[in-house]
Amino acid sequence: AIDLFNGECELLKAGAAPTFVRRGSKVGKAESNSLPPGILRNIAFDKASVSLKAEDIVVMVSDGAITEGCDWISGIINDWTIGSAQHLADEIAFAARRRRNDGHNDDITVLVGILKKNF
């Protein structure tokens, strides 16, 4: 959840692929140590908060995008300088498909948000 008035972002994670956040020139990731909801009862969500500013980037991916690890995603996000959120999502999804070598055809979903200042 991102509060568009003050830039506060709350990440709730439960057994999902990491969420990547680029603040300025640094890329971090929020990961979960808990199991996905629905497997066991009383699963708790891991929570993290971050303050975002204009031009910061939030990237969420499905597990199909990280079958070959996820550090390479941080590299793509870190190197991203120009283009739309859709272009960045397409680049990550294309790279994830190229990296797949496990013989499975799991879905690869990438959601990108770039915060913009509304004038």
N, C-alpha and C. Protein backbone atom coordinates (compact mmCIF):
# COMPACT_ATOMS: atom_id res chain seq x y z
N ALA A 1 0.85 -1.17 0.00
CA ALA A 1 0.00 0.00 0.00
C ALA A 1 0.89 1.23 0.00
N ILE A 2 0.60 2.19 -0.86
CA ILE A 2 1.37 3.43 -0.94
C ILE A 2 0.42 4.60 -0.69
N ASP A 3 0.74 5.40 0.31
CA ASP A 3 -0.02 6.62 0.57
C ASP A 3 0.54 7.69 -0.36
N LEU A 4 -0.25 8.08 -1.34
CA LEU A 4 0.24 9.01 -2.37
C LEU A 4 0.36 10.45 -1.87
N PHE A 5 -0.14 10.73 -0.65
CA PHE A 5 0.01 12.07 -0.10
C PHE A 5 1.34 12.26 0.61
N ASN A 6 1.81 11.22 1.31
CA ASN A 6 3.06 11.38 2.06
C ASN A 6 4.16 10.42 1.63
N GLY A 7 3.89 9.50 0.69
CA GLY A 7 4.91 8.59 0.17
C GLY A 7 5.20 7.39 1.04
N GLU A 8 4.45 7.21 2.11
CA GLU A 8 4.69 6.05 2.98
C GLU A 8 4.19 4.78 2.29
N CYS A 9 5.06 3.78 2.22
CA CYS A 9 4.76 2.52 1.57
C CYS A 9 4.83 1.41 2.61
N GLU A 10 3.77 0.64 2.74
CA GLU A 10 3.74 -0.49 3.65
C GLU A 10 3.70 -1.77 2.82
N LEU A 11 4.67 -2.64 3.05
CA LEU A 11 4.75 -3.91 2.34
C LEU A 11 4.34 -5.03 3.29
N LEU A 12 3.36 -5.82 2.89
CA LEU A 12 2.92 -6.98 3.65
C LEU A 12 3.28 -8.21 2.84
N LYS A 13 4.15 -9.05 3.38
CA LYS A 13 4.65 -10.20 2.64
C LYS A 13 4.31 -11.49 3.39
N ALA A 14 3.90 -12.50 2.65
CA ALA A 14 3.65 -13.82 3.24
C ALA A 14 3.98 -14.88 2.19
N GLY A 15 5.20 -15.38 2.24
CA GLY A 15 5.60 -16.47 1.37
C GLY A 15 5.62 -16.15 -0.10
N ALA A 16 5.77 -14.90 -0.44
CA ALA A 16 5.75 -14.50 -1.84
C ALA A 16 7.16 -14.16 -2.32
N ALA A 17 7.30 -13.98 -3.62
CA ALA A 17 8.57 -13.52 -4.19
C ALA A 17 8.88 -12.14 -3.61
N PRO A 18 10.15 -11.76 -3.59
CA PRO A 18 10.51 -10.47 -2.99
C PRO A 18 9.89 -9.29 -3.75
N THR A 19 9.73 -8.20 -3.05
CA THR A 19 9.36 -6.92 -3.64
C THR A 19 10.61 -6.06 -3.62
N PHE A 20 10.90 -5.42 -4.74
CA PHE A 20 12.10 -4.59 -4.87
C PHE A 20 11.71 -3.12 -4.79
N VAL A 21 12.53 -2.33 -4.12
CA VAL A 21 12.28 -0.90 -4.01
C VAL A 21 13.57 -0.17 -4.31
N ARG A 22 13.49 0.76 -5.28
CA ARG A 22 14.64 1.63 -5.55
C ARG A 22 14.32 3.01 -5.02
N ARG A 23 15.08 3.41 -4.02
CA ARG A 23 14.98 4.76 -3.45
C ARG A 23 16.24 5.49 -3.85
N GLY A 24 16.09 6.51 -4.66
CA GLY A 24 17.27 7.22 -5.14
C GLY A 24 18.13 6.28 -5.97
N SER A 25 19.35 6.04 -5.51
CA SER A 25 20.26 5.18 -6.27
C SER A 25 20.48 3.82 -5.61
N LYS A 26 19.67 3.48 -4.60
CA LYS A 26 19.85 2.20 -3.90
C LYS A 26 18.63 1.31 -4.10
N VAL A 27 18.90 0.04 -4.38
CA VAL A 27 17.83 -0.95 -4.55
C VAL A 27 17.85 -1.90 -3.36
N GLY A 28 16.70 -2.06 -2.74
CA GLY A 28 16.56 -3.02 -1.65
C GLY A 28 15.45 -3.99 -1.98
N LYS A 29 15.32 -5.02 -1.17
CA LYS A 29 14.23 -5.96 -1.40
C LYS A 29 13.62 -6.38 -0.08
N ALA A 30 12.32 -6.55 -0.11
CA ALA A 30 11.57 -7.04 1.04
C ALA A 30 11.21 -8.49 0.77
N GLU A 31 11.61 -9.37 1.68
CA GLU A 31 11.33 -10.80 1.53
C GLU A 31 10.53 -11.27 2.73
N SER A 32 9.90 -12.42 2.59
CA SER A 32 9.10 -12.99 3.66
C SER A 32 9.68 -14.31 4.11
N ASN A 33 9.69 -14.51 5.41
CA ASN A 33 10.11 -15.79 5.97
C ASN A 33 8.93 -16.70 6.27
N SER A 34 7.73 -16.18 6.14
CA SER A 34 6.55 -16.98 6.47
C SER A 34 6.07 -17.77 5.25
N LEU A 35 5.22 -18.73 5.49
CA LEU A 35 4.61 -19.52 4.42
C LEU A 35 3.46 -18.76 3.79
N PRO A 36 3.09 -19.10 2.55
CA PRO A 36 1.95 -18.44 1.91
C PRO A 36 0.65 -18.71 2.68
N PRO A 37 -0.27 -17.75 2.69
CA PRO A 37 -1.56 -17.97 3.33
C PRO A 37 -2.28 -19.14 2.66
N GLY A 38 -3.05 -19.89 3.44
CA GLY A 38 -3.80 -21.00 2.90
C GLY A 38 -3.14 -22.35 3.09
N ILE A 39 -1.84 -22.37 3.36
CA ILE A 39 -1.14 -23.64 3.58
C ILE A 39 -1.36 -24.10 5.01
N LEU A 40 -1.18 -23.19 5.95
CA LEU A 40 -1.41 -23.47 7.37
C LEU A 40 -2.31 -22.38 7.94
N ARG A 41 -2.91 -22.67 9.07
CA ARG A 41 -3.72 -21.65 9.74
C ARG A 41 -2.82 -20.66 10.46
N ASN A 42 -3.35 -19.49 10.68
CA ASN A 42 -2.69 -18.44 11.48
C ASN A 42 -1.33 -18.01 10.92
N ILE A 43 -1.25 -17.88 9.63
CA ILE A 43 -0.02 -17.38 9.00
C ILE A 43 0.06 -15.87 9.26
N ALA A 44 1.20 -15.40 9.72
CA ALA A 44 1.40 -13.98 9.96
C ALA A 44 2.13 -13.35 8.78
N PHE A 45 1.75 -12.15 8.45
CA PHE A 45 2.41 -11.42 7.38
C PHE A 45 3.62 -10.69 7.94
N ASP A 46 4.72 -10.71 7.19
CA ASP A 46 5.87 -9.88 7.53
C ASP A 46 5.56 -8.47 7.03
N LYS A 47 5.90 -7.47 7.83
CA LYS A 47 5.60 -6.08 7.47
C LYS A 47 6.89 -5.28 7.39
N ALA A 48 6.92 -4.39 6.41
CA ALA A 48 8.04 -3.45 6.27
C ALA A 48 7.46 -2.13 5.78
N SER A 49 8.07 -1.04 6.20
CA SER A 49 7.63 0.28 5.76
C SER A 49 8.82 1.03 5.18
N VAL A 50 8.54 1.84 4.18
CA VAL A 50 9.58 2.65 3.57
C VAL A 50 8.95 3.96 3.11
N SER A 51 9.69 5.05 3.23
CA SER A 51 9.23 6.35 2.76
C SER A 51 9.73 6.56 1.34
N LEU A 52 8.81 6.81 0.43
CA LEU A 52 9.16 6.97 -0.98
C LEU A 52 9.05 8.43 -1.40
N LYS A 53 9.81 8.77 -2.44
CA LYS A 53 9.79 10.11 -3.02
C LYS A 53 9.57 9.98 -4.52
N ALA A 54 9.39 11.10 -5.18
CA ALA A 54 9.21 11.11 -6.63
C ALA A 54 10.38 10.40 -7.31
N GLU A 55 10.07 9.59 -8.31
CA GLU A 55 11.01 8.80 -9.13
C GLU A 55 11.47 7.52 -8.45
N ASP A 56 11.04 7.25 -7.22
CA ASP A 56 11.34 5.95 -6.61
C ASP A 56 10.52 4.88 -7.31
N ILE A 57 11.02 3.65 -7.29
CA ILE A 57 10.41 2.55 -8.06
C ILE A 57 10.09 1.39 -7.13
N VAL A 58 8.90 0.81 -7.30
CA VAL A 58 8.50 -0.40 -6.59
C VAL A 58 8.25 -1.48 -7.64
N VAL A 59 8.86 -2.65 -7.47
CA VAL A 59 8.72 -3.75 -8.43
C VAL A 59 8.27 -5.01 -7.68
N MET A 60 7.14 -5.57 -8.11
CA MET A 60 6.66 -6.84 -7.57
C MET A 60 6.71 -7.87 -8.69
N VAL A 61 7.16 -9.09 -8.35
CA VAL A 61 7.26 -10.16 -9.34
C VAL A 61 6.62 -11.43 -8.79
N SER A 62 6.18 -12.29 -9.68
CA SER A 62 5.68 -13.60 -9.27
C SER A 62 6.85 -14.57 -9.11
N ASP A 63 6.59 -15.70 -8.50
CA ASP A 63 7.66 -16.68 -8.29
C ASP A 63 8.22 -17.22 -9.60
N GLY A 64 7.44 -17.16 -10.67
CA GLY A 64 7.93 -17.61 -11.97
C GLY A 64 9.08 -16.77 -12.51
N ALA A 65 9.19 -15.52 -12.01
CA ALA A 65 10.25 -14.62 -12.47
C ALA A 65 11.56 -14.86 -11.75
N ILE A 66 11.53 -15.59 -10.63
CA ILE A 66 12.76 -15.72 -9.82
C ILE A 66 13.26 -17.15 -9.72
N THR A 67 12.88 -18.00 -10.67
CA THR A 67 13.33 -19.39 -10.61
C THR A 67 14.85 -19.51 -10.71
N GLU A 68 15.49 -18.53 -11.31
CA GLU A 68 16.95 -18.56 -11.45
C GLU A 68 17.60 -17.51 -10.55
N GLY A 69 17.00 -17.23 -9.41
CA GLY A 69 17.53 -16.24 -8.48
C GLY A 69 16.92 -14.88 -8.73
N CYS A 70 17.30 -13.90 -7.91
CA CYS A 70 16.69 -12.59 -8.06
C CYS A 70 17.67 -11.42 -8.00
N ASP A 71 18.94 -11.66 -7.77
CA ASP A 71 19.89 -10.55 -7.70
C ASP A 71 19.98 -9.81 -9.04
N TRP A 72 19.81 -10.51 -10.14
CA TRP A 72 19.86 -9.89 -11.46
C TRP A 72 18.75 -8.85 -11.62
N ILE A 73 17.61 -9.05 -10.94
CA ILE A 73 16.51 -8.07 -11.03
C ILE A 73 16.95 -6.76 -10.40
N SER A 74 17.63 -6.84 -9.26
CA SER A 74 18.14 -5.63 -8.62
C SER A 74 19.05 -4.86 -9.57
N GLY A 75 19.87 -5.59 -10.33
CA GLY A 75 20.77 -4.95 -11.30
C GLY A 75 20.02 -4.20 -12.39
N ILE A 76 18.97 -4.82 -12.92
CA ILE A 76 18.18 -4.16 -13.96
C ILE A 76 17.51 -2.90 -13.40
N ILE A 77 16.94 -3.01 -12.21
CA ILE A 77 16.28 -1.86 -11.59
C ILE A 77 17.29 -0.76 -11.30
N ASN A 78 18.45 -1.13 -10.79
CA ASN A 78 19.48 -0.15 -10.47
C ASN A 78 19.95 0.60 -11.71
N ASP A 79 20.05 -0.10 -12.83
CA ASP A 79 20.56 0.51 -14.06
C ASP A 79 19.49 1.29 -14.83
N TRP A 80 18.22 1.18 -14.43
CA TRP A 80 17.11 1.80 -15.15
C TRP A 80 17.21 3.32 -15.04
N THR A 81 17.24 4.01 -16.18
CA THR A 81 17.37 5.47 -16.15
C THR A 81 16.23 6.20 -16.84
N ILE A 82 15.66 5.60 -17.87
CA ILE A 82 14.62 6.32 -18.61
C ILE A 82 13.60 5.33 -19.17
N GLY A 83 12.37 5.74 -19.20
CA GLY A 83 11.31 4.91 -19.76
C GLY A 83 10.16 4.79 -18.78
N SER A 84 9.12 4.15 -19.25
CA SER A 84 7.91 4.01 -18.45
C SER A 84 8.00 2.79 -17.53
N ALA A 85 7.06 2.72 -16.60
CA ALA A 85 6.94 1.55 -15.74
C ALA A 85 6.71 0.30 -16.58
N GLN A 86 5.92 0.43 -17.64
CA GLN A 86 5.64 -0.71 -18.51
C GLN A 86 6.91 -1.20 -19.19
N HIS A 87 7.76 -0.27 -19.63
CA HIS A 87 9.02 -0.68 -20.28
C HIS A 87 9.91 -1.44 -19.31
N LEU A 88 9.99 -0.98 -18.07
CA LEU A 88 10.80 -1.68 -17.08
C LEU A 88 10.23 -3.06 -16.78
N ALA A 89 8.90 -3.14 -16.64
CA ALA A 89 8.26 -4.45 -16.40
C ALA A 89 8.54 -5.40 -17.56
N ASP A 90 8.43 -4.90 -18.79
CA ASP A 90 8.69 -5.74 -19.97
C ASP A 90 10.14 -6.22 -19.99
N GLU A 91 11.08 -5.35 -19.64
CA GLU A 91 12.50 -5.74 -19.65
C GLU A 91 12.76 -6.85 -18.63
N ILE A 92 12.20 -6.71 -17.43
CA ILE A 92 12.40 -7.73 -16.40
C ILE A 92 11.74 -9.04 -16.80
N ALA A 93 10.52 -8.99 -17.34
CA ALA A 93 9.82 -10.21 -17.75
C ALA A 93 10.57 -10.91 -18.89
N PHE A 94 11.07 -10.15 -19.85
CA PHE A 94 11.82 -10.73 -20.96
C PHE A 94 13.10 -11.41 -20.45
N ALA A 95 13.81 -10.73 -19.54
CA ALA A 95 15.04 -11.30 -18.99
C ALA A 95 14.73 -12.57 -18.18
N ALA A 96 13.61 -12.57 -17.46
CA ALA A 96 13.23 -13.76 -16.68
C ALA A 96 12.94 -14.94 -17.61
N ARG A 97 12.25 -14.70 -18.72
CA ARG A 97 11.98 -15.78 -19.69
C ARG A 97 13.27 -16.32 -20.28
N ARG A 98 14.21 -15.42 -20.60
CA ARG A 98 15.50 -15.84 -21.16
C ARG A 98 16.29 -16.69 -20.18
N ARG A 99 16.17 -16.40 -18.90
CA ARG A 99 16.95 -17.10 -17.87
C ARG A 99 16.37 -18.47 -17.52
N ARG A 100 15.11 -18.72 -17.81
CA ARG A 100 14.48 -19.98 -17.42
C ARG A 100 15.21 -21.15 -18.04
N ASN A 101 15.61 -22.11 -17.23
CA ASN A 101 16.24 -23.31 -17.76
C ASN A 101 15.78 -24.55 -17.01
N ASP A 102 14.61 -24.44 -16.35
CA ASP A 102 14.12 -25.57 -15.55
C ASP A 102 13.09 -26.42 -16.31
N GLY A 103 12.79 -26.04 -17.56
CA GLY A 103 11.86 -26.83 -18.36
C GLY A 103 10.40 -26.62 -18.03
N HIS A 104 10.09 -25.74 -17.09
CA HIS A 104 8.70 -25.48 -16.72
C HIS A 104 8.21 -24.20 -17.39
N ASN A 105 6.91 -24.06 -17.47
CA ASN A 105 6.32 -22.90 -18.11
C ASN A 105 5.47 -22.14 -17.09
N ASP A 106 6.05 -21.86 -15.92
CA ASP A 106 5.34 -21.13 -14.88
C ASP A 106 5.12 -19.69 -15.34
N ASP A 107 4.05 -19.07 -14.82
CA ASP A 107 3.78 -17.69 -15.23
C ASP A 107 4.88 -16.76 -14.73
N ILE A 108 5.12 -15.72 -15.48
CA ILE A 108 6.06 -14.67 -15.11
C ILE A 108 5.27 -13.37 -15.12
N THR A 109 5.06 -12.81 -13.94
CA THR A 109 4.30 -11.58 -13.82
C THR A 109 5.19 -10.53 -13.17
N VAL A 110 5.17 -9.32 -13.73
CA VAL A 110 5.97 -8.22 -13.19
C VAL A 110 5.08 -6.98 -13.13
N LEU A 111 5.04 -6.37 -11.96
CA LEU A 111 4.28 -5.14 -11.75
C LEU A 111 5.26 -4.07 -11.30
N VAL A 112 5.26 -2.93 -11.99
CA VAL A 112 6.18 -1.85 -11.68
C VAL A 112 5.40 -0.58 -11.44
N GLY A 113 5.76 0.13 -10.39
CA GLY A 113 5.22 1.46 -10.12
C GLY A 113 6.36 2.45 -9.95
N ILE A 114 6.28 3.57 -10.69
CA ILE A 114 7.27 4.64 -10.55
C ILE A 114 6.51 5.84 -10.02
N LEU A 115 6.88 6.31 -8.84
CA LEU A 115 6.19 7.45 -8.26
C LEU A 115 6.53 8.72 -9.00
N LYS A 116 5.50 9.47 -9.32
CA LYS A 116 5.65 10.74 -10.04
C LYS A 116 5.05 11.86 -9.21
N LYS A 117 5.64 13.02 -9.29
CA LYS A 117 5.11 14.18 -8.61
C LYS A 117 4.00 14.78 -9.46
N ASN A 118 2.86 15.04 -8.84
CA ASN A 118 1.71 15.62 -9.53
C ASN A 118 1.77 17.14 -9.36
N PHE A 119 1.96 17.83 -10.45
CA PHE A 119 2.09 19.30 -10.38
C PHE A 119 0.75 19.95 -10.53
